[in-house]
Amino acid sequence: MSETPNRLELIEALAIRNTEAIAALTVKVENLTDNVNGLTNNVDRVLSRSAVLDDVLLELRDSHEQHQQNFEEHQRNFERHQQNFNEHQQTTNAALNSLEAILLQLIRIFPQS
């Protein structure tokens, strides 16, 4: 009968070790669960921020395209105004040259005595 208590003691020791191992694993699983929850929260925050940044980037791109179109339109308007100015300048210069020619003819016709 001496074998039976030894065997029972061995089984009891194994049960205690298993219980302690299960308790340790339970703590590790709880810690792992906390870590996973923390990482999930971080991922959710990063994904939310990424979505916001994506929206901001789209707005910036649209805004940039609109500004680019406005700039190109202003550039065309400026070039048109520059051309008009050059045409007016040429017309003014031609008128001044004509007036100068008329004035020279008048001076020849009516010399100052």
Protein backbone atom coordinates (compact mmCIF):
# COMPACT_ATOMS: atom_id res chain seq x y z
CA MET A 1 0.00 0.00 0.00
CA SER A 2 2.92 2.29 0.21
CA GLU A 3 2.79 2.72 -3.56
CA THR A 4 -0.70 4.20 -3.51
CA PRO A 5 0.11 7.22 -1.31
CA ASN A 6 3.26 7.92 -3.31
CA ARG A 7 1.30 7.76 -6.46
CA LEU A 8 -1.40 10.00 -5.02
CA GLU A 9 1.22 12.46 -3.83
CA LEU A 10 2.75 12.44 -7.31
CA ILE A 11 -0.63 13.03 -8.94
CA GLU A 12 -1.38 15.78 -6.41
CA ALA A 13 1.99 17.43 -7.10
CA LEU A 14 1.31 17.25 -10.84
CA ALA A 15 -2.16 18.73 -10.32
CA ILE A 16 -0.70 21.58 -8.24
CA ARG A 17 1.97 22.24 -10.89
CA ASN A 18 -0.67 22.16 -13.62
CA THR A 19 -2.86 24.55 -11.62
CA GLU A 20 0.10 26.92 -11.11
CA ALA A 21 1.03 26.67 -14.80
CA ILE A 22 -2.58 27.37 -15.78
CA ALA A 23 -2.64 30.37 -13.43
CA ALA A 24 0.63 31.67 -14.92
CA LEU A 25 -0.70 31.12 -18.43
CA THR A 26 -3.93 32.86 -17.49
CA VAL A 27 -1.94 35.92 -16.34
CA LYS A 28 0.06 35.84 -19.56
CA VAL A 29 -3.11 35.52 -21.63
CA GLU A 30 -4.63 38.47 -19.74
CA ASN A 31 -1.48 40.52 -20.37
CA LEU A 32 -1.49 39.49 -24.02
CA THR A 33 -5.17 40.43 -24.27
CA ASP A 34 -4.42 43.85 -22.76
CA ASN A 35 -1.55 44.32 -25.22
CA VAL A 36 -3.74 43.27 -28.16
CA ASN A 37 -6.49 45.64 -27.00
CA GLY A 38 -3.95 48.46 -26.69
CA LEU A 39 -2.57 47.71 -30.15
CA THR A 40 -6.09 47.53 -31.57
CA ASN A 41 -6.87 50.93 -30.06
CA ASN A 42 -3.66 52.33 -31.54
CA VAL A 43 -4.48 50.86 -34.95
CA ASP A 44 -7.99 52.30 -34.77
CA ARG A 45 -6.57 55.75 -33.93
CA VAL A 46 -3.98 55.52 -36.70
CA LEU A 47 -6.61 54.44 -39.23
CA SER A 48 -8.92 57.26 -38.12
CA ARG A 49 -6.12 59.80 -38.45
CA SER A 50 -5.15 58.32 -41.78
CA ALA A 51 -8.72 58.74 -43.03
CA VAL A 52 -8.72 62.36 -41.88
CA LEU A 53 -5.34 62.98 -43.52
CA ASP A 54 -6.56 61.34 -46.72
CA ASP A 55 -9.54 63.73 -46.74
CA VAL A 56 -7.22 66.68 -46.08
CA LEU A 57 -4.91 65.59 -48.89
CA LEU A 58 -7.84 65.30 -51.29
CA GLU A 59 -9.01 68.79 -50.28
CA LEU A 60 -5.48 70.14 -50.74
CA ARG A 61 -5.18 68.50 -54.15
CA ASP A 62 -8.53 69.90 -55.25
CA SER A 63 -7.62 73.31 -53.86
CA HIS A 64 -4.23 73.19 -55.58
CA GLU A 65 -5.84 72.27 -58.88
CA GLN A 66 -8.32 75.15 -58.49
CA HIS A 67 -5.50 77.57 -57.65
CA GLN A 68 -3.54 76.27 -60.63
CA GLN A 69 -6.51 76.88 -62.92
CA ASN A 70 -6.99 80.36 -61.43
CA PHE A 71 -3.30 81.10 -61.89
CA GLU A 72 -3.40 79.97 -65.51
CA GLU A 73 -6.49 82.12 -66.12
CA HIS A 74 -4.80 85.12 -64.50
CA GLN A 75 -1.70 84.43 -66.57
CA ARG A 76 -3.79 84.42 -69.77
CA ASN A 77 -5.55 87.64 -68.67
CA PHE A 78 -2.19 89.24 -67.92
CA GLU A 79 -0.83 88.23 -71.33
CA ARG A 80 -3.99 89.58 -72.98
CA HIS A 81 -3.66 92.87 -71.09
CA GLN A 82 0.03 93.01 -71.94
CA GLN A 83 -0.82 92.53 -75.61
CA ASN A 84 -3.51 95.23 -75.41
CA PHE A 85 -1.03 97.54 -73.71
CA ASN A 86 1.54 96.88 -76.45
CA GLU A 87 -1.08 97.55 -79.12
CA HIS A 88 -2.12 100.81 -77.40
CA GLN A 89 1.52 101.76 -77.04
CA GLN A 90 2.08 101.18 -80.75
CA THR A 91 -1.05 103.18 -81.59
CA THR A 92 0.06 105.99 -79.29
CA ASN A 93 3.56 105.96 -80.80
CA ALA A 94 2.10 106.02 -84.33
CA ALA A 95 -0.18 108.93 -83.35
CA LEU A 96 2.76 110.80 -81.83
CA ASN A 97 4.84 110.19 -84.97
CA SER A 98 1.98 111.48 -87.11
CA LEU A 99 1.62 114.55 -84.93
CA GLU A 100 5.37 115.14 -85.11
CA ALA A 101 5.26 114.87 -88.91
CA ILE A 102 2.31 117.30 -89.06
CA LEU A 103 4.09 119.68 -86.72
CA LEU A 104 7.25 119.57 -88.88
CA GLN A 105 5.18 120.27 -92.00
CA LEU A 106 3.43 123.18 -90.25
CA ILE A 107 6.81 124.58 -89.20
CA ARG A 108 8.01 124.36 -92.81
CA ILE A 109 4.82 125.95 -94.14
CA PHE A 110 4.66 128.66 -91.50
CA PRO A 111 8.24 129.39 -90.53
CA GLN A 112 8.80 131.62 -87.56
CA SER A 113 10.15 134.93 -88.66
